[in-house]
C-alpha atoms as a PDB file:
ATOM      1  CA  UNK A   1      31.608   9.457  26.399  1.00  0.00           C
ATOM      2  CA  UNK A   2      30.992   7.778  29.509  1.00  0.00           C
ATOM      3  CA  UNK A   3      28.489   4.851  30.046  1.00  0.00           C
ATOM      4  CA  UNK A   4      26.921   6.530  33.126  1.00  0.00           C
ATOM      5  CA  UNK A   5      26.532   9.960  34.785  1.00  0.00           C
ATOM      6  CA  UNK A   6      25.540  10.787  38.444  1.00  0.00           C
ATOM      7  CA  UNK A   7      23.580  13.910  39.448  1.00  0.00           C
ATOM      8  CA  UNK A   8      23.634  15.203  43.068  1.00  0.00           C
ATOM      9  CA  UNK A   9      21.028  17.475  44.742  1.00  0.00           C
ATOM     10  CA  UNK A  10      20.633  18.461  48.425  1.00  0.00           C
ATOM     11  CA  UNK A  11      18.570  15.378  49.324  1.00  0.00           C
ATOM     12  CA  UNK A  12      19.013  13.045  46.301  1.00  0.00           C
ATOM     13  CA  UNK A  13      21.530  11.295  43.970  1.00  0.00           C
ATOM     14  CA  UNK A  14      20.546   9.907  40.685  1.00  0.00           C
ATOM     15  CA  UNK A  15      22.581   7.742  38.192  1.00  0.00           C
ATOM     16  CA  UNK A  16      21.628   7.669  34.435  1.00  0.00           C
ATOM     17  CA  UNK A  17      23.020   5.192  31.945  1.00  0.00           C
ATOM     18  CA  UNK A  18      23.684   5.969  28.353  1.00  0.00           C
ATOM     19  CA  UNK A  19      22.168   2.508  27.464  1.00  0.00           C
ATOM     20  CA  UNK A  20      18.536   3.242  27.179  1.00  0.00           C
ATOM     21  CA  UNK A  21      18.842   6.687  28.831  1.00  0.00           C
ATOM     22  CA  UNK A  22      17.783   4.603  31.867  1.00  0.00           C
ATOM     23  CA  UNK A  23      17.745   5.792  35.453  1.00  0.00           C
ATOM     24  CA  UNK A  24      19.835   3.114  37.276  1.00  0.00           C
ATOM     25  CA  UNK A  25      20.070   4.418  40.995  1.00  0.00           C
ATOM     26  CA  UNK A  26      18.174   6.786  43.051  1.00  0.00           C
ATOM     27  CA  UNK A  27      19.453   7.469  46.591  1.00  0.00           C
ATOM     28  CA  UNK A  28      17.993   9.681  49.285  1.00  0.00           C
ATOM     29  CA  UNK A  29      19.781  11.974  51.817  1.00  0.00           C
ATOM     30  CA  UNK A  30      20.534   8.981  53.999  1.00  0.00           C
ATOM     31  CA  UNK A  31      22.148   7.224  50.968  1.00  0.00           C
ATOM     32  CA  UNK A  32      19.366   4.509  50.941  1.00  0.00           C
ATOM     33  CA  UNK A  33      18.813   2.948  47.462  1.00  0.00           C
ATOM     34  CA  UNK A  34      15.171   3.427  46.438  1.00  0.00           C
ATOM     35  CA  UNK A  35      15.352   2.011  42.946  1.00  0.00           C
ATOM     36  CA  UNK A  36      15.119  -1.631  42.072  1.00  0.00           C
ATOM     37  CA  UNK A  37      18.632  -2.893  41.106  1.00  0.00           C
ATOM     38  CA  UNK A  38      17.673  -5.046  38.132  1.00  0.00           C
ATOM     39  CA  UNK A  39      17.822  -8.331  39.824  1.00  0.00           C
ATOM     40  CA  UNK A  40      16.966 -11.799  38.586  1.00  0.00           C
ATOM     41  CA  UNK A  41      12.942 -11.209  38.685  1.00  0.00           C
ATOM     42  CA  UNK A  42      13.273  -8.412  36.291  1.00  0.00           C
ATOM     43  CA  UNK A  43      16.594  -7.266  34.729  1.00  0.00           C
ATOM     44  CA  UNK A  44      15.812  -3.516  34.400  1.00  0.00           C
ATOM     45  CA  UNK A  45      15.623  -0.493  36.623  1.00  0.00           C
ATOM     46  CA  UNK A  46      13.474   2.306  34.867  1.00  0.00           C
ATOM     47  CA  UNK A  47      13.324   1.807  31.167  1.00  0.00           C
ATOM     48  CA  UNK A  48      12.138   4.324  28.726  1.00  0.00           C
ATOM     49  CA  UNK A  49       9.097   3.036  26.727  1.00  0.00           C
ATOM     50  CA  UNK A  50       9.169   4.272  23.072  1.00  0.00           C
ATOM     51  CA  UNK A  51       7.759   4.263  20.369  1.00  0.00           C
ATOM     52  CA  UNK A  52       5.034   2.009  22.027  1.00  0.00           C
ATOM     53  CA  UNK A  53       3.861   1.218  25.474  1.00  0.00           C
ATOM     54  CA  UNK A  54       2.913  -2.391  26.053  1.00  0.00           C
ATOM     55  CA  UNK A  55       2.542  -4.727  23.207  1.00  0.00           C
ATOM     56  CA  UNK A  56       1.214  -4.814  19.670  1.00  0.00           C
ATOM     57  CA  UNK A  57      -0.874  -7.802  18.624  1.00  0.00           C
ATOM     58  CA  UNK A  58       1.406 -10.306  17.233  1.00  0.00           C
ATOM     59  CA  UNK A  59       4.351  -7.997  18.008  1.00  0.00           C
ATOM     60  CA  UNK A  60       4.053  -6.436  14.654  1.00  0.00           C
ATOM     61  CA  UNK A  61       3.434  -2.969  13.393  1.00  0.00           C
ATOM     62  CA  UNK A  62       1.353  -2.481  10.322  1.00  0.00           C
ATOM     63  CA  UNK A  63       2.031   0.654   8.142  1.00  0.00           C
ATOM     64  CA  UNK A  64       0.942   1.317   4.539  1.00  0.00           C
ATOM     65  CA  UNK A  65       0.613  -2.458   3.687  1.00  0.00           C
ATOM     66  CA  UNK A  66       3.912  -3.512   5.184  1.00  0.00           C
ATOM     67  CA  UNK A  67       4.585  -5.189   8.582  1.00  0.00           C
ATOM     68  CA  UNK A  68       7.460  -4.470  10.984  1.00  0.00           C
ATOM     69  CA  UNK A  69       8.620  -6.354  14.001  1.00  0.00           C
ATOM     70  CA  UNK A  70       8.034  -4.526  17.354  1.00  0.00           C
ATOM     71  CA  UNK A  71       8.682  -6.097  20.661  1.00  0.00           C
ATOM     72  CA  UNK A  72       6.908  -5.019  23.830  1.00  0.00           C
ATOM     73  CA  UNK A  73       7.624  -1.471  24.998  1.00  0.00           C
ATOM     74  CA  UNK A  74       9.557  -0.665  21.780  1.00  0.00           C
ATOM     75  CA  UNK A  75      13.241  -0.364  21.218  1.00  0.00           C
ATOM     76  CA  UNK A  76      14.369   2.779  23.027  1.00  0.00           C
ATOM     77  CA  UNK A  77      15.203   0.765  26.179  1.00  0.00           C
ATOM     78  CA  UNK A  78      17.650  -1.366  24.271  1.00  0.00           C
ATOM     79  CA  UNK A  79      19.527   1.455  22.428  1.00  0.00           C
ATOM     80  CA  UNK A  80      22.385   3.429  23.453  1.00  0.00           C
ATOM     81  CA  UNK A  81      21.558   7.213  23.701  1.00  0.00           C
ATOM     82  CA  UNK A  82      23.994  10.006  22.887  1.00  0.00           C
ATOM     83  CA  UNK A  83      24.977  12.470  25.633  1.00  0.00           C
ATOM     84  CA  UNK A  84      24.081  15.943  24.693  1.00  0.00           C
ATOM     85  CA  UNK A  85      24.891  17.584  28.174  1.00  0.00           C
ATOM     86  CA  UNK A  86      26.501  16.251  31.292  1.00  0.00           C
ATOM     87  CA  UNK A  87      26.373  18.659  34.265  1.00  0.00           C
ATOM     88  CA  UNK A  88      26.546  18.393  38.126  1.00  0.00           C
ATOM     89  CA  UNK A  89      22.679  18.589  38.477  1.00  0.00           C
ATOM     90  CA  UNK A  90      21.419  17.891  34.953  1.00  0.00           C
ATOM     91  CA  UNK A  91      22.081  15.877  31.787  1.00  0.00           C
ATOM     92  CA  UNK A  92      20.519  15.356  28.507  1.00  0.00           C
ATOM     93  CA  UNK A  93      20.479  12.358  26.082  1.00  0.00           C
ATOM     94  CA  UNK A  94      19.069  11.771  22.734  1.00  0.00           C
ATOM     95  CA  UNK A  95      18.153   8.943  20.399  1.00  0.00           C
ATOM     96  CA  UNK A  96      17.650   9.583  16.564  1.00  0.00           C
ATOM     97  CA  UNK A  97      16.180   7.271  13.959  1.00  0.00           C
ATOM     98  CA  UNK A  98      18.669   5.120  12.014  1.00  0.00           C
ATOM     99  CA  UNK A  99      18.487   2.299   9.566  1.00  0.00           C
ATOM    100  CA  UNK A 100      18.031  -0.127  12.551  1.00  0.00           C
ATOM    101  CA  UNK A 101      15.133   1.718  13.985  1.00  0.00           C
ATOM    102  CA  UNK A 102      13.590   2.259  10.558  1.00  0.00           C
ATOM    103  CA  UNK A 103      13.486  -1.554   9.941  1.00  0.00           C
ATOM    104  CA  UNK A 104      11.156  -1.735  12.982  1.00  0.00           C
ATOM    105  CA  UNK A 105       9.496   1.677  12.958  1.00  0.00           C
ATOM    106  CA  UNK A 106       9.338   3.523   9.699  1.00  0.00           C
ATOM    107  CA  UNK A 107       9.315   7.064  10.899  1.00  0.00           C
ATOM    108  CA  UNK A 108      11.889   9.823  11.402  1.00  0.00           C
ATOM    109  CA  UNK A 109      12.045  11.047  14.939  1.00  0.00           C
ATOM    110  CA  UNK A 110      14.476  12.436  17.781  1.00  0.00           C
ATOM    111  CA  UNK A 111      13.789  11.517  21.308  1.00  0.00           C
ATOM    112  CA  UNK A 112      15.427  13.707  23.899  1.00  0.00           C
ATOM    113  CA  UNK A 113      15.584  12.739  27.672  1.00  0.00           C
ATOM    114  CA  UNK A 114      16.539  15.263  30.346  1.00  0.00           C
ATOM    115  CA  UNK A 115      17.314  14.447  33.891  1.00  0.00           C
ATOM    116  CA  UNK A 116      17.568  17.218  36.500  1.00  0.00           C
ATOM    117  CA  UNK A 117      17.774  17.283  40.333  1.00  0.00           C
ATOM    118  CA  UNK A 118      16.512  20.055  42.677  1.00  0.00           C
ATOM    119  CA  UNK A 119      16.338  19.541  46.224  1.00  0.00           C
ATOM    120  CA  UNK A 120      14.964  16.083  46.957  1.00  0.00           C
ATOM    121  CA  UNK A 121      13.429  15.722  43.698  1.00  0.00           C
ATOM    122  CA  UNK A 122      14.396  14.203  40.214  1.00  0.00           C
ATOM    123  CA  UNK A 123      12.576  15.640  37.199  1.00  0.00           C
ATOM    124  CA  UNK A 124      12.632  13.429  34.020  1.00  0.00           C
ATOM    125  CA  UNK A 125      11.655  15.442  30.943  1.00  0.00           C
ATOM    126  CA  UNK A 126      11.045  13.927  27.422  1.00  0.00           C
ATOM    127  CA  UNK A 127      10.814  15.659  24.016  1.00  0.00           C
ATOM    128  CA  UNK A 128       9.494  13.667  21.093  1.00  0.00           C
ATOM    129  CA  UNK A 129      10.299  15.555  17.957  1.00  0.00           C
ATOM    130  CA  UNK A 130       9.069  14.745  14.443  1.00  0.00           C
ATOM    131  CA  UNK A 131      12.007  15.180  12.061  1.00  0.00           C
ATOM    132  CA  UNK A 132      10.252  13.712   9.026  1.00  0.00           C
ATOM    133  CA  UNK A 133       7.719  14.923   6.578  1.00  0.00           C
ATOM    134  CA  UNK A 134       4.681  12.704   7.672  1.00  0.00           C
ATOM    135  CA  UNK A 135       2.710  12.586  10.852  1.00  0.00           C
ATOM    136  CA  UNK A 136       4.515  10.794  13.642  1.00  0.00           C
ATOM    137  CA  UNK A 137       2.465   8.246  15.683  1.00  0.00           C
ATOM    138  CA  UNK A 138       4.138   7.308  18.869  1.00  0.00           C
ATOM    139  CA  UNK A 139       3.584   6.390  22.458  1.00  0.00           C
ATOM    140  CA  UNK A 140       5.953   7.150  25.343  1.00  0.00           C
ATOM    141  CA  UNK A 141       6.055   5.981  28.961  1.00  0.00           C
ATOM    142  CA  UNK A 142       8.197   5.903  32.012  1.00  0.00           C
ATOM    143  CA  UNK A 143       8.639   2.635  33.879  1.00  0.00           C
ATOM    144  CA  UNK A 144      10.617   3.253  37.171  1.00  0.00           C
ATOM    145  CA  UNK A 145      10.758   0.255  39.604  1.00  0.00           C
ATOM    146  CA  UNK A 146      10.986   1.166  43.329  1.00  0.00           C
ATOM    147  CA  UNK A 147      12.111  -1.233  45.943  1.00  0.00           C
ATOM    148  CA  UNK A 148       9.045  -2.687  47.689  1.00  0.00           C
ATOM    149  CA  UNK A 149       9.465  -2.464  50.676  1.00  0.00           C
ATOM    150  CA  UNK A 150      11.498   0.797  50.620  1.00  0.00           C
ATOM    151  CA  UNK A 151      12.653   0.027  54.077  1.00  0.00           C
ATOM    152  CA  UNK A 152      13.937  -3.422  55.045  1.00  0.00           C
ATOM    153  CA  UNK A 153      11.861  -5.217  57.546  1.00  0.00           C
ATOM    154  CA  UNK A 154       8.588  -3.708  56.610  1.00  0.00           C
ATOM    155  CA  UNK A 155       5.876  -6.123  55.077  1.00  0.00           C
ATOM    156  CA  UNK A 156       4.755  -5.248  51.431  1.00  0.00           C
ATOM    157  CA  UNK A 157       1.191  -4.817  52.797  1.00  0.00           C
ATOM    158  CA  UNK A 158       2.213  -1.870  54.997  1.00  0.00           C
ATOM    159  CA  UNK A 159       2.404   0.209  51.737  1.00  0.00           C
ATOM    160  CA  UNK A 160      -0.389   2.034  49.953  1.00  0.00           C
ATOM    161  CA  UNK A 161      -0.620   4.283  46.920  1.00  0.00           C
ATOM    162  CA  UNK A 162      -2.394   7.600  47.817  1.00  0.00           C
ATOM    163  CA  UNK A 163      -3.637   9.538  44.841  1.00  0.00           C
ATOM    164  CA  UNK A 164      -4.070  13.307  44.859  1.00  0.00           C
ATOM    165  CA  UNK A 165      -7.771  12.844  43.871  1.00  0.00           C
ATOM    166  CA  UNK A 166     -10.341  10.158  44.152  1.00  0.00           C
ATOM    167  CA  UNK A 167     -10.035   7.538  41.394  1.00  0.00           C
ATOM    168  CA  UNK A 168     -13.570   6.185  40.726  1.00  0.00           C
ATOM    169  CA  UNK A 169     -13.119   5.345  37.081  1.00  0.00           C
ATOM    170  CA  UNK A 170     -12.939   1.702  35.914  1.00  0.00           C
ATOM    171  CA  UNK A 171      -9.455   0.175  35.349  1.00  0.00           C
ATOM    172  CA  UNK A 172      -8.148  -1.887  32.526  1.00  0.00           C
ATOM    173  CA  UNK A 173      -6.277  -5.245  32.826  1.00  0.00           C
ATOM    174  CA  UNK A 174      -4.345  -7.383  30.413  1.00  0.00           C
ATOM    175  CA  UNK A 175      -4.507 -10.848  28.851  1.00  0.00           C
ATOM    176  CA  UNK A 176      -1.554 -12.178  27.121  1.00  0.00           C
ATOM    177  CA  UNK A 177      -0.182  -8.606  27.172  1.00  0.00           C
ATOM    178  CA  UNK A 178      -3.203  -7.020  25.380  1.00  0.00           C
ATOM    179  CA  UNK A 179      -6.010  -4.942  26.762  1.00  0.00           C
ATOM    180  CA  UNK A 180      -9.029  -6.881  27.697  1.00  0.00           C
ATOM    181  CA  UNK A 181     -12.413  -5.732  26.098  1.00  0.00           C
ATOM    182  CA  UNK A 182     -14.096  -5.061  29.368  1.00  0.00           C
ATOM    183  CA  UNK A 183     -13.106  -2.541  32.018  1.00  0.00           C
ATOM    184  CA  UNK A 184     -13.145  -3.549  35.614  1.00  0.00           C
ATOM    185  CA  UNK A 185     -14.385  -1.689  38.743  1.00  0.00           C
ATOM    186  CA  UNK A 186     -11.891   0.619  40.265  1.00  0.00           C
ATOM    187  CA  UNK A 187      -9.537  -0.912  42.873  1.00  0.00           C
ATOM    188  CA  UNK A 188      -8.940   2.408  44.442  1.00  0.00           C
ATOM    189  CA  UNK A 189     -10.949   3.084  47.737  1.00  0.00           C
ATOM    190  CA  UNK A 190     -11.412   6.900  47.537  1.00  0.00           C
ATOM    191  CA  UNK A 191      -7.801   7.980  47.069  1.00  0.00           C
ATOM    192  CA  UNK A 192      -6.116   4.870  48.377  1.00  0.00           C
ATOM    193  CA  UNK A 193      -4.863   1.619  46.606  1.00  0.00           C
ATOM    194  CA  UNK A 194      -3.999  -0.988  49.093  1.00  0.00           C
ATOM    195  CA  UNK A 195      -0.920  -3.026  47.770  1.00  0.00           C
ATOM    196  CA  UNK A 196      -0.319  -6.662  47.943  1.00  0.00           C
ATOM    197  CA  UNK A 197       1.265  -9.195  45.699  1.00  0.00           C
ATOM    198  CA  UNK A 198      -2.081 -10.612  44.622  1.00  0.00           C
ATOM    199  CA  UNK A 199      -3.005  -7.327  43.090  1.00  0.00           C
ATOM    200  CA  UNK A 200      -0.758  -8.262  40.260  1.00  0.00           C
ATOM    201  CA  UNK A 201      -2.008 -11.771  39.529  1.00  0.00           C
ATOM    202  CA  UNK A 202      -3.661 -10.372  36.325  1.00  0.00           C
ATOM    203  CA  UNK A 203      -0.504  -8.311  35.452  1.00  0.00           C
ATOM    204  CA  UNK A 204      -0.514  -4.535  35.402  1.00  0.00           C
ATOM    205  CA  UNK A 205      -3.300  -2.230  36.708  1.00  0.00           C
ATOM    206  CA  UNK A 206      -4.021   0.324  34.176  1.00  0.00           C
ATOM    207  CA  UNK A 207      -5.738   3.660  35.039  1.00  0.00           C
ATOM    208  CA  UNK A 208      -6.643   4.822  31.568  1.00  0.00           C
ATOM    209  CA  UNK A 209      -8.879   7.689  32.979  1.00  0.00           C
ATOM    210  CA  UNK A 210      -6.542   8.716  35.909  1.00  0.00           C
ATOM    211  CA  UNK A 211      -7.904  11.760  37.565  1.00  0.00           C
ATOM    212  CA  UNK A 212      -4.796  12.687  39.669  1.00  0.00           C
ATOM    213  CA  UNK A 213      -1.609  14.476  38.708  1.00  0.00           C
ATOM    214  CA  UNK A 214       0.323  12.661  41.475  1.00  0.00           C
ATOM    215  CA  UNK A 215       0.504   9.627  43.695  1.00  0.00           C
ATOM    216  CA  UNK A 216       2.483   8.886  46.978  1.00  0.00           C
ATOM    217  CA  UNK A 217       4.100   5.473  47.715  1.00  0.00           C
ATOM    218  CA  UNK A 218       4.621   5.157  51.339  1.00  0.00           C
ATOM    219  CA  UNK A 219       4.141   3.143  54.640  1.00  0.00           C
ATOM    220  CA  UNK A 220       3.450   4.558  57.999  1.00  0.00           C
ATOM    221  CA  UNK A 221       7.173   4.898  58.456  1.00  0.00           C
ATOM    222  CA  UNK A 222      10.432   4.960  56.487  1.00  0.00           C
ATOM    223  CA  UNK A 223      11.189   6.540  53.136  1.00  0.00           C
ATOM    224  CA  UNK A 224       8.298   7.701  50.846  1.00  0.00           C
ATOM    225  CA  UNK A 225       8.146   8.476  47.137  1.00  0.00           C
ATOM    226  CA  UNK A 226       5.797  10.933  45.525  1.00  0.00           C
ATOM    227  CA  UNK A 227       5.383  10.864  41.766  1.00  0.00           C
ATOM    228  CA  UNK A 228       3.790  13.567  39.749  1.00  0.00           C
ATOM    229  CA  UNK A 229       3.447  13.919  35.991  1.00  0.00           C
ATOM    230  CA  UNK A 230       2.536  16.413  33.127  1.00  0.00           C
ATOM    231  CA  UNK A 231       1.462  15.386  29.603  1.00  0.00           C
ATOM    232  CA  UNK A 232       0.976  11.733  30.433  1.00  0.00           C
ATOM    233  CA  UNK A 233      -2.555  10.482  30.174  1.00  0.00           C
ATOM    234  CA  UNK A 234      -2.502   7.021  31.700  1.00  0.00           C
ATOM    235  CA  UNK A 235      -0.902   5.413  34.702  1.00  0.00           C
ATOM    236  CA  UNK A 236       0.245   1.854  34.928  1.00  0.00           C
ATOM    237  CA  UNK A 237       1.077   0.150  38.168  1.00  0.00           C
ATOM    238  CA  UNK A 238       2.949  -3.236  38.098  1.00  0.00           C
ATOM    239  CA  UNK A 239       4.879  -5.705  39.854  1.00  0.00           C
ATOM    240  CA  UNK A 240       5.834  -9.172  38.525  1.00  0.00           C
ATOM    241  CA  UNK A 241       2.978 -11.664  38.939  1.00  0.00           C
ATOM    242  CA  UNK A 242       3.924 -14.123  41.676  1.00  0.00           C
ATOM    243  CA  UNK A 243       5.891 -11.630  43.719  1.00  0.00           C
ATOM    244  CA  UNK A 244       9.015  -9.691  43.328  1.00  0.00           C
ATOM    245  CA  UNK A 245      10.508  -6.972  45.552  1.00  0.00           C
ATOM    246  CA  UNK A 246       9.725  -3.954  43.508  1.00  0.00           C
ATOM    247  CA  UNK A 247       6.733  -1.785  42.337  1.00  0.00           C
ATOM    248  CA  UNK A 248       6.522   0.032  39.104  1.00  0.00           C
ATOM    249  CA  UNK A 249       4.665   3.355  38.970  1.00  0.00           C
ATOM    250  CA  UNK A 250       4.453   4.213  35.263  1.00  0.00           C
ATOM    251  CA  UNK A 251       3.119   7.489  33.694  1.00  0.00           C
ATOM    252  CA  UNK A 252       2.144   6.585  30.118  1.00  0.00           C
ATOM    253  CA  UNK A 253       0.928   8.270  26.997  1.00  0.00           C
ATOM    254  CA  UNK A 254      -0.493   5.196  25.276  1.00  0.00           C
ATOM    255  CA  UNK A 255      -0.922   1.609  26.367  1.00  0.00           C
ATOM    256  CA  UNK A 256      -1.053  -1.976  24.889  1.00  0.00           C
ATOM    257  CA  UNK A 257      -3.226  -2.775  21.982  1.00  0.00           C
ATOM    258  CA  UNK A 258      -6.795  -3.722  22.613  1.00  0.00           C
ATOM    259  CA  UNK A 259      -7.249  -7.449  22.171  1.00  0.00           C
ATOM    260  CA  UNK A 260      -9.353  -7.064  19.038  1.00  0.00           C
ATOM    261  CA  UNK A 261      -7.093  -4.337  17.245  1.00  0.00           C
ATOM    262  CA  UNK A 262      -4.767  -5.537  14.551  1.00  0.00           C
ATOM    263  CA  UNK A 263      -4.976  -2.597  12.163  1.00  0.00           C
ATOM    264  CA  UNK A 264      -2.825   0.230  10.866  1.00  0.00           C
ATOM    265  CA  UNK A 265      -0.483   1.499  13.547  1.00  0.00           C
ATOM    266  CA  UNK A 266      -1.517   5.200  12.985  1.00  0.00           C
ATOM    267  CA  UNK A 267      -5.073   4.107  13.930  1.00  0.00           C
ATOM    268  CA  UNK A 268      -4.099   2.379  17.282  1.00  0.00           C
ATOM    269  CA  UNK A 269      -5.787   3.841  20.324  1.00  0.00           C
ATOM    270  CA  UNK A 270      -3.675   5.931  22.675  1.00  0.00           C
ATOM    271  CA  UNK A 271      -1.072   7.254  20.352  1.00  0.00           C
ATOM    272  CA  UNK A 272       0.328  10.888  20.120  1.00  0.00           C
ATOM    273  CA  UNK A 273       0.138  12.247  16.539  1.00  0.00           C
ATOM    274  CA  UNK A 274       2.964  14.747  16.023  1.00  0.00           C
ATOM    275  CA  UNK A 275       2.940  16.994  12.935  1.00  0.00           C
ATOM    276  CA  UNK A 276       6.240  17.332  10.846  1.00  0.00           C
ATOM    277  CA  UNK A 277       8.591  19.661  12.588  1.00  0.00           C
ATOM    278  CA  UNK A 278       6.647  19.635  15.846  1.00  0.00           C
ATOM    279  CA  UNK A 279       7.453  18.226  19.205  1.00  0.00           C
ATOM    280  CA  UNK A 280       5.539  16.868  22.166  1.00  0.00           C
ATOM    281  CA  UNK A 281       6.881  17.485  25.713  1.00  0.00           C
ATOM    282  CA  UNK A 282       6.063  15.266  28.631  1.00  0.00           C
ATOM    283  CA  UNK A 283       7.701  14.918  32.018  1.00  0.00           C
ATOM    284  CA  UNK A 284       7.423  13.194  35.547  1.00  0.00           C
ATOM    285  CA  UNK A 285       9.005  14.137  38.876  1.00  0.00           C
ATOM    286  CA  UNK A 286      10.153  11.833  41.693  1.00  0.00           C
ATOM    287  CA  UNK A 287      10.271  13.416  45.093  1.00  0.00           C
ATOM    288  CA  UNK A 288      11.779  11.432  47.953  1.00  0.00           C
ATOM    289  CA  UNK A 289      11.132  12.108  51.587  1.00  0.00           C
END
């Protein structure tokens, strides 16, 4: 099967890679590339985060007295998925556990990722299926990186994130990749988060009590992106500390380990717990304008 597949709608074109089931290109009706093209500052486009989001303490997973190596954001982004469907407007890929995954994550699973275009929107749907006989603990996240600025010549500070609702809840920040013990005051003024490179001096901004189902990334002119989500509980916002020409808007179910947590993986905060034979469905949508 092919290494990549391109979907085309009335106002959008999206290319998906078999490697990592990763979105690698997103173009609008004017054929402007909106997605970060995996440059030197960060060599990815929009990785799928599974079976963890963020880091575990010591980069190890504890389960029933054994430890397993588990790197940041999990292994799905580094595995080749199998194509299940390849159509003009939709495609589906899947990753199933095998000896390599079980050496790092001792659970049976199937992860299906479906991409579909409609009009000027791309829908990304995930199904996490427990194919084993014990409870499946897992996290899942999207990590799309958009060009920042979206239009050449505009300053980064011209852009804001505008949420559907006010976001007064405290936010979480990271230290050495783990969630700090104390929350910090919201950085969102009403519904608006002003963007600047300094915002990411302390790594990602994590809204672990996000009130909105969507957010709009835009300046006063040029292309704009609206992201909405369903089934995800948290939202991460990230750019590489020190400055890079991309902004990641990341719907998550889960987050990095709290700094003090080093217990059994099944007890880690933020996980989904999926019963044998059951599935959990989550999705996000990117609409360009």
